[in-house]
């Protein structure tokens, strides 16, 4: 057993989502969104390097020696599966271990709006799950893949960095490929996937213009593409896509989005009212004629009003979803206030006065 497993086991026993190890501080656990140190000495550089080296392959050690950050999955028998990032910082090395449940959660167990299930039924086009790092995008996408896997006789190809949830083929065939292990990059994996008779393609992250362009081509040529972006609203997602395209392709990109983008799910994780865990809260945009017209006429700033009035089509603004969850007693109003866009309407629910803006007298 690797020595680092002791920290991972402690973290799992405490129910944390992440274990943080860094030189100069004790190991830390992320509990319901907050970092908490464990009772242990500050980690020394050579000590932590020894822990990390025990779980690296020779090729990973060589890449890390060359200054490359490492992303990989790690399975510890009796403890669990983790997504790992190893990096260097000013005072030495560091590593973050995120726990990945061995069982893929069912879509219906995540507490997401029912319309999300409908997004798995498309046979072509683009569906995006967006949000900041650590907001559960990978979990939502894994649940969507599982939903398709249990219901449709299709070929699913996933491109991940690294592979997190492991899917066993059920009604569908699921082929999981890891960037830098099976394919050099997301764009290379996409190019290869198009020659492998896919029906559904999952792209772990649309992180550069080349990958985005390849994903758009796949969505336009008869494949359902599911992907993630680090954007915090539907409007910012659309603007990010268009800004990533060369100027000469921008008009073509607007037409593509209006015709092939089915939905944008933007999510955050908010502390539950009882303090036990966090609940996904989502903004949802589904494409309709009005939103398509706003995209093609460069009026994306008007999309929030469409989301606000589009409840019958499953749409909702983040603030609407937060307010409904507060009124239902599902989430901590103080935490919800931090995520709200129009904070004024949430001020009456706040219990911690230090969160509110100071008023000059």
Protein backbone atom coordinates (compact mmCIF):
# COMPACT_ATOMS: atom_id res chain seq x y z
CA UNK A 1 0.00 0.00 0.00
CA UNK A 2 1.34 3.44 -0.91
CA UNK A 3 1.87 5.75 2.05
CA UNK A 4 -0.36 8.38 0.50
CA UNK A 5 -3.31 5.97 0.81
CA UNK A 6 -3.50 6.73 4.55
CA UNK A 7 -4.47 10.34 3.79
CA UNK A 8 -6.93 9.26 1.12
CA UNK A 9 -8.54 6.73 3.46
CA UNK A 10 -8.90 9.36 6.18
CA UNK A 11 -10.50 11.70 3.68
CA UNK A 12 -13.00 9.08 2.55
CA UNK A 13 -13.86 8.21 6.16
CA UNK A 14 -14.58 11.90 6.78
CA UNK A 15 -16.71 12.11 3.64
CA UNK A 16 -14.61 14.76 1.90
CA UNK A 17 -14.65 15.42 -1.84
CA UNK A 18 -10.95 16.33 -2.22
CA UNK A 19 -7.65 15.75 -0.45
CA UNK A 20 -5.04 18.52 -0.84
CA UNK A 21 -1.34 17.90 -0.22
CA UNK A 22 1.19 20.72 -0.50
CA UNK A 23 4.63 21.54 0.86
CA UNK A 24 4.63 23.82 3.90
CA UNK A 25 1.12 23.06 5.17
CA UNK A 26 -0.59 20.01 6.67
CA UNK A 27 -2.83 17.83 4.48
CA UNK A 28 -6.25 19.41 3.94
CA UNK A 29 -9.71 18.00 3.23
CA UNK A 30 -12.48 19.74 1.33
CA UNK A 31 -15.64 19.22 3.34
CA UNK A 32 -18.88 20.55 1.84
CA UNK A 33 -16.94 23.17 -0.08
CA UNK A 34 -14.61 24.31 2.74
CA UNK A 35 -10.95 23.37 3.22
CA UNK A 36 -10.09 21.93 6.62
CA UNK A 37 -6.57 20.92 7.78
CA UNK A 38 -6.09 17.57 9.46
CA UNK A 39 -3.95 17.11 12.56
CA UNK A 40 -0.62 16.43 10.97
CA UNK A 41 2.70 18.22 10.61
CA UNK A 42 3.47 20.58 7.75
CA UNK A 43 4.59 18.49 4.77
CA UNK A 44 8.23 18.76 3.73
CA UNK A 45 9.34 18.84 0.09
CA UNK A 46 11.26 15.55 0.08
CA UNK A 47 8.54 13.88 2.15
CA UNK A 48 5.72 14.76 -0.21
CA UNK A 49 7.85 13.96 -3.27
CA UNK A 50 8.39 10.49 -1.81
CA UNK A 51 4.65 9.99 -1.30
CA UNK A 52 3.84 11.08 -4.86
CA UNK A 53 6.62 9.09 -6.55
CA UNK A 54 5.21 5.87 -5.10
CA UNK A 55 2.11 6.16 -7.29
CA UNK A 56 3.67 7.52 -10.50
CA UNK A 57 4.70 5.47 -13.50
CA UNK A 58 8.18 5.94 -14.95
CA UNK A 59 6.80 7.96 -17.86
CA UNK A 60 4.87 10.21 -15.46
CA UNK A 61 8.00 10.75 -13.36
CA UNK A 62 9.93 11.75 -16.48
CA UNK A 63 7.24 14.20 -17.61
CA UNK A 64 7.05 15.74 -14.14
CA UNK A 65 10.83 16.14 -14.08
CA UNK A 66 10.49 18.13 -17.30
CA UNK A 67 8.10 20.54 -15.59
CA UNK A 68 4.79 19.16 -16.89
CA UNK A 69 1.79 19.09 -14.54
CA UNK A 70 0.25 15.64 -14.32
CA UNK A 71 -3.42 14.68 -14.61
CA UNK A 72 -4.25 11.02 -14.10
CA UNK A 73 -6.57 8.63 -12.32
CA UNK A 74 -5.45 6.59 -9.33
CA UNK A 75 -7.12 3.50 -7.90
CA UNK A 76 -6.35 2.60 -4.30
CA UNK A 77 -7.68 -0.86 -3.33
CA UNK A 78 -9.99 -0.60 -0.36
CA UNK A 79 -10.01 3.22 -0.53
CA UNK A 80 -11.39 4.21 -3.90
CA UNK A 81 -10.75 5.86 -7.24
CA UNK A 82 -9.37 9.39 -7.53
CA UNK A 83 -8.67 12.01 -10.17
CA UNK A 84 -5.21 13.40 -9.45
CA UNK A 85 -3.41 16.60 -10.37
CA UNK A 86 0.27 16.93 -9.42
CA UNK A 87 1.90 20.34 -9.81
CA UNK A 88 4.75 22.59 -8.72
CA UNK A 89 4.35 25.85 -6.83
CA UNK A 90 6.61 28.48 -5.29
CA UNK A 91 7.45 26.48 -2.16
CA UNK A 92 7.57 23.00 -3.70
CA UNK A 93 5.24 20.39 -5.13
CA UNK A 94 1.55 19.84 -4.48
CA UNK A 95 -1.22 17.40 -5.37
CA UNK A 96 -4.99 17.31 -5.33
CA UNK A 97 -6.95 14.05 -5.15
CA UNK A 98 -10.65 14.17 -6.04
CA UNK A 99 -12.71 11.14 -5.09
CA UNK A 100 -14.59 9.48 -7.96
CA UNK A 101 -17.42 7.15 -6.84
CA UNK A 102 -17.06 3.63 -8.19
CA UNK A 103 -20.76 3.61 -9.05
CA UNK A 104 -21.87 6.15 -11.65
CA UNK A 105 -24.75 8.16 -10.16
CA UNK A 106 -28.11 7.88 -11.86
CA UNK A 107 -29.30 11.09 -13.50
CA UNK A 108 -32.49 10.92 -11.48
CA UNK A 109 -30.47 10.79 -8.24
CA UNK A 110 -28.69 14.10 -8.79
CA UNK A 111 -31.77 16.24 -8.23
CA UNK A 112 -31.49 17.96 -11.63
CA UNK A 113 -34.58 19.25 -13.50
CA UNK A 114 -36.36 16.55 -15.55
CA UNK A 115 -35.61 18.39 -18.81
CA UNK A 116 -31.96 17.25 -18.53
CA UNK A 117 -33.08 13.69 -19.33
CA UNK A 118 -34.55 14.94 -22.61
CA UNK A 119 -31.14 16.29 -23.66
CA UNK A 120 -29.86 12.70 -23.84
CA UNK A 121 -32.47 11.79 -26.45
CA UNK A 122 -31.08 13.95 -29.27
CA UNK A 123 -29.43 12.11 -32.14
CA UNK A 124 -27.22 14.98 -33.28
CA UNK A 125 -26.16 18.43 -32.14
CA UNK A 126 -24.35 19.93 -29.14
CA UNK A 127 -25.22 19.86 -25.44
CA UNK A 128 -22.89 21.70 -23.03
CA UNK A 129 -22.46 21.40 -19.27
CA UNK A 130 -20.61 24.43 -17.94
CA UNK A 131 -19.40 25.89 -14.67
CA UNK A 132 -16.30 26.64 -12.66
CA UNK A 133 -13.88 23.93 -11.57
CA UNK A 134 -15.36 21.66 -8.91
CA UNK A 135 -19.03 22.29 -9.67
CA UNK A 136 -19.89 18.70 -10.61
CA UNK A 137 -19.78 18.97 -14.41
CA UNK A 138 -18.06 15.59 -14.78
CA UNK A 139 -20.64 13.93 -12.53
CA UNK A 140 -23.55 15.35 -14.51
CA UNK A 141 -22.02 14.26 -17.81
CA UNK A 142 -21.24 10.80 -16.45
CA UNK A 143 -24.87 10.43 -15.36
CA UNK A 144 -26.04 11.52 -18.82
CA UNK A 145 -23.76 8.95 -20.47
CA UNK A 146 -25.08 6.30 -18.09
CA UNK A 147 -28.66 7.29 -18.93
CA UNK A 148 -27.96 6.81 -22.65
CA UNK A 149 -26.01 3.62 -21.95
CA UNK A 150 -29.02 2.07 -20.22
CA UNK A 151 -31.55 3.02 -22.90
CA UNK A 152 -30.09 3.33 -26.41
CA UNK A 153 -28.30 0.87 -28.69
CA UNK A 154 -25.59 3.29 -29.77
CA UNK A 155 -21.81 3.65 -29.92
CA UNK A 156 -20.56 6.09 -27.27
CA UNK A 157 -16.98 7.36 -27.40
CA UNK A 158 -15.66 9.42 -24.49
CA UNK A 159 -12.52 11.56 -24.54
CA UNK A 160 -11.41 12.42 -21.01
CA UNK A 161 -8.42 13.89 -19.19
CA UNK A 162 -8.25 11.69 -17.20
CA UNK A 163 -10.94 8.99 -17.31
CA UNK A 164 -13.00 9.41 -14.15
CA UNK A 165 -16.20 7.33 -13.96
CA UNK A 166 -15.75 3.92 -15.58
CA UNK A 167 -18.75 2.82 -17.70
CA UNK A 168 -19.50 -0.81 -18.44
CA UNK A 169 -21.32 -1.27 -21.75
CA UNK A 170 -25.03 -2.00 -21.24
CA UNK A 171 -27.51 -1.33 -24.06
CA UNK A 172 -24.85 0.84 -25.68
CA UNK A 173 -21.20 0.21 -26.43
CA UNK A 174 -19.05 2.60 -24.41
CA UNK A 175 -15.46 3.24 -25.50
CA UNK A 176 -13.48 5.42 -23.09
CA UNK A 177 -10.23 7.02 -24.21
CA UNK A 178 -7.84 9.05 -22.08
CA UNK A 179 -5.88 12.05 -23.35
CA UNK A 180 -2.11 11.45 -23.31
CA UNK A 181 -2.69 7.73 -22.66
CA UNK A 182 -4.75 6.67 -25.69
CA UNK A 183 -4.79 9.88 -27.76
CA UNK A 184 -2.38 12.86 -27.82
CA UNK A 185 -5.08 15.53 -27.34
CA UNK A 186 -8.81 16.18 -27.39
CA UNK A 187 -8.67 17.40 -31.00
CA UNK A 188 -6.75 14.29 -32.11
CA UNK A 189 -9.19 12.09 -30.21
CA UNK A 190 -12.12 13.81 -31.91
CA UNK A 191 -10.55 13.40 -35.32
CA UNK A 192 -10.06 9.69 -34.64
CA UNK A 193 -13.54 9.28 -33.15
CA UNK A 194 -15.18 10.46 -36.36
CA UNK A 195 -13.64 7.41 -38.09
CA UNK A 196 -14.94 5.00 -35.43
CA UNK A 197 -18.68 5.08 -36.26
CA UNK A 198 -19.78 7.05 -33.17
CA UNK A 199 -23.34 8.02 -32.30
CA UNK A 200 -22.49 9.95 -29.13
CA UNK A 201 -19.17 11.69 -28.39
CA UNK A 202 -18.26 13.04 -24.97
CA UNK A 203 -15.49 15.66 -24.96
CA UNK A 204 -14.16 16.17 -21.45
CA UNK A 205 -13.26 19.80 -22.09
CA UNK A 206 -13.60 22.16 -25.06
CA UNK A 207 -10.47 24.01 -24.09
CA UNK A 208 -9.05 25.39 -27.36
CA UNK A 209 -10.33 26.64 -30.73
CA UNK A 210 -9.19 23.51 -32.60
CA UNK A 211 -11.09 21.15 -30.28
CA UNK A 212 -14.14 23.41 -30.38
CA UNK A 213 -14.12 23.52 -34.18
CA UNK A 214 -13.82 19.72 -34.39
CA UNK A 215 -16.69 19.28 -31.90
CA UNK A 216 -18.87 21.66 -33.90
CA UNK A 217 -18.14 19.73 -37.09
CA UNK A 218 -19.04 16.45 -35.36
CA UNK A 219 -22.29 17.91 -34.04
CA UNK A 220 -23.18 19.26 -37.47
CA UNK A 221 -22.55 15.96 -39.27
CA UNK A 222 -25.00 13.75 -37.40
CA UNK A 223 -23.46 13.05 -33.99
CA UNK A 224 -24.61 14.00 -30.50
CA UNK A 225 -21.70 15.79 -28.82
CA UNK A 226 -21.65 16.35 -25.07
CA UNK A 227 -18.98 18.63 -23.69
CA UNK A 228 -17.90 20.97 -20.90
CA UNK A 229 -16.66 24.53 -20.74
CA UNK A 230 -15.45 26.65 -17.83
CA UNK A 231 -18.12 29.32 -18.27
CA UNK A 232 -20.61 30.52 -15.67
CA UNK A 233 -23.76 31.27 -17.69
CA UNK A 234 -25.42 30.44 -20.99
CA UNK A 235 -24.63 33.89 -22.40
CA UNK A 236 -20.95 33.65 -21.44
CA UNK A 237 -20.80 30.19 -23.02
CA UNK A 238 -22.12 31.41 -26.36
CA UNK A 239 -19.87 34.47 -26.30
CA UNK A 240 -16.83 32.30 -25.42
CA UNK A 241 -17.51 29.99 -28.37
CA UNK A 242 -17.89 32.85 -30.83
CA UNK A 243 -14.83 34.69 -29.46
CA UNK A 244 -12.74 31.51 -29.90
CA UNK A 245 -13.49 31.33 -33.62
CA UNK A 246 -11.41 33.17 -36.23
CA UNK A 247 -13.06 36.41 -37.35
CA UNK A 248 -13.87 34.98 -40.79
CA UNK A 249 -15.77 32.06 -39.18
CA UNK A 250 -17.75 34.07 -36.63
CA UNK A 251 -20.88 34.44 -38.78
CA UNK A 252 -20.73 30.74 -39.62
CA UNK A 253 -20.39 30.01 -35.90
CA UNK A 254 -23.53 31.98 -35.11
CA UNK A 255 -25.49 30.01 -37.68
CA UNK A 256 -24.08 26.75 -36.28
CA UNK A 257 -25.11 27.61 -32.71
CA UNK A 258 -28.59 28.69 -33.77
CA UNK A 259 -29.13 25.38 -35.59
CA UNK A 260 -27.13 22.81 -33.61
CA UNK A 261 -26.73 23.94 -29.99
CA UNK A 262 -29.56 22.21 -28.14
CA UNK A 263 -28.88 23.23 -24.56
CA UNK A 264 -26.49 24.79 -22.06
CA UNK A 265 -26.58 23.55 -18.46
CA UNK A 266 -24.61 25.79 -16.10
CA UNK A 267 -24.25 24.52 -12.57
CA UNK A 268 -22.92 25.37 -9.13
CA UNK A 269 -22.81 23.31 -5.95
CA UNK A 270 -24.49 25.03 -3.00
CA UNK A 271 -24.40 23.89 0.62
CA UNK A 272 -27.57 22.14 1.72
CA UNK A 273 -29.67 23.77 4.41
CA UNK A 274 -28.74 21.08 6.95
CA UNK A 275 -25.03 21.47 6.19
CA UNK A 276 -24.74 17.85 5.05
CA UNK A 277 -23.36 17.97 1.55
CA UNK A 278 -24.02 20.21 -1.43
CA UNK A 279 -26.82 20.37 -3.98
CA UNK A 280 -26.40 21.11 -7.69
CA UNK A 281 -28.27 24.24 -8.75
CA UNK A 282 -28.50 24.82 -12.49
CA UNK A 283 -29.25 27.47 -15.06
CA UNK A 284 -30.74 25.93 -18.19
CA UNK A 285 -31.00 27.31 -21.69
CA UNK A 286 -32.74 25.32 -24.40
CA UNK A 287 -32.59 26.53 -27.99
CA UNK A 288 -35.74 28.01 -29.51
CA UNK A 289 -36.46 30.37 -32.40
CA UNK A 290 -36.24 33.49 -30.22
CA UNK A 291 -32.82 32.59 -28.79
CA UNK A 292 -31.55 31.49 -32.20
CA UNK A 293 -32.50 34.90 -33.58
CA UNK A 294 -30.74 36.69 -30.71
CA UNK A 295 -27.55 34.74 -31.44
CA UNK A 296 -27.55 35.46 -35.18
CA UNK A 297 -28.27 39.18 -34.61
CA UNK A 298 -25.57 39.67 -31.94
CA UNK A 299 -28.09 40.27 -29.14
CA UNK A 300 -26.99 37.53 -26.73
CA UNK A 301 -27.31 40.02 -23.85
CA UNK A 302 -31.09 39.61 -24.19
CA UNK A 303 -30.98 35.82 -23.66
CA UNK A 304 -31.46 36.02 -19.84
CA UNK A 305 -34.95 37.46 -20.35
CA UNK A 306 -35.77 34.44 -22.54
CA UNK A 307 -34.55 32.07 -19.83
CA UNK A 308 -36.62 33.91 -17.23
CA UNK A 309 -39.83 33.48 -19.22
CA UNK A 310 -39.06 30.06 -20.71
CA UNK A 311 -40.14 27.85 -17.80
CA UNK A 312 -42.57 25.91 -19.99
CA UNK A 313 -39.58 24.78 -22.09
CA UNK A 314 -37.55 23.82 -19.02
CA UNK A 315 -35.48 27.00 -18.93
CA UNK A 316 -34.46 28.91 -15.83
CA UNK A 317 -31.97 31.53 -14.73
CA UNK A 318 -29.47 30.67 -12.01
CA UNK A 319 -31.10 33.23 -9.70
CA UNK A 320 -34.53 31.64 -10.26
CA UNK A 321 -33.17 28.19 -9.40
CA UNK A 322 -31.40 29.52 -6.29
CA UNK A 323 -34.54 31.31 -5.08
CA UNK A 324 -36.73 28.23 -5.55
CA UNK A 325 -34.25 26.10 -3.60
CA UNK A 326 -34.10 28.65 -0.76
CA UNK A 327 -37.88 28.86 -0.53
CA UNK A 328 -38.07 25.06 -0.49
CA UNK A 329 -35.59 24.97 2.41
CA UNK A 330 -33.11 22.91 0.38
CA UNK A 331 -30.00 25.11 0.47
CA UNK A 332 -28.14 27.45 2.79
CA UNK A 333 -29.29 31.01 1.96
CA UNK A 334 -25.91 32.50 2.87
CA UNK A 335 -24.13 30.23 0.40
CA UNK A 336 -26.82 30.89 -2.23
CA UNK A 337 -26.27 34.64 -1.81
CA UNK A 338 -22.64 34.23 -2.82
CA UNK A 339 -23.65 32.58 -6.12
CA UNK A 340 -26.51 34.94 -6.97
CA UNK A 341 -26.18 37.44 -9.81
CA UNK A 342 -28.76 39.95 -8.56
CA UNK A 343 -27.77 39.80 -4.91
CA UNK A 344 -30.24 42.42 -3.75
CA UNK A 345 -33.24 40.10 -4.03
CA UNK A 346 -31.43 37.53 -1.83
CA UNK A 347 -30.39 39.91 0.95
CA UNK A 348 -33.57 39.33 2.99
CA UNK A 349 -32.64 35.63 3.40
CA UNK A 350 -29.04 36.17 4.53
CA UNK A 351 -28.32 35.21 8.17
CA UNK A 352 -24.67 36.32 8.27
CA UNK A 353 -24.60 40.15 8.25
CA UNK A 354 -20.90 40.17 7.31
CA UNK A 355 -21.86 39.00 3.82
CA UNK A 356 -23.99 42.07 3.14
CA UNK A 357 -22.57 45.26 1.63
CA UNK A 358 -21.59 47.93 4.16
CA UNK A 359 -23.86 50.96 4.22
CA UNK A 360 -22.26 54.36 4.85
CA UNK A 361 -24.10 56.64 7.27
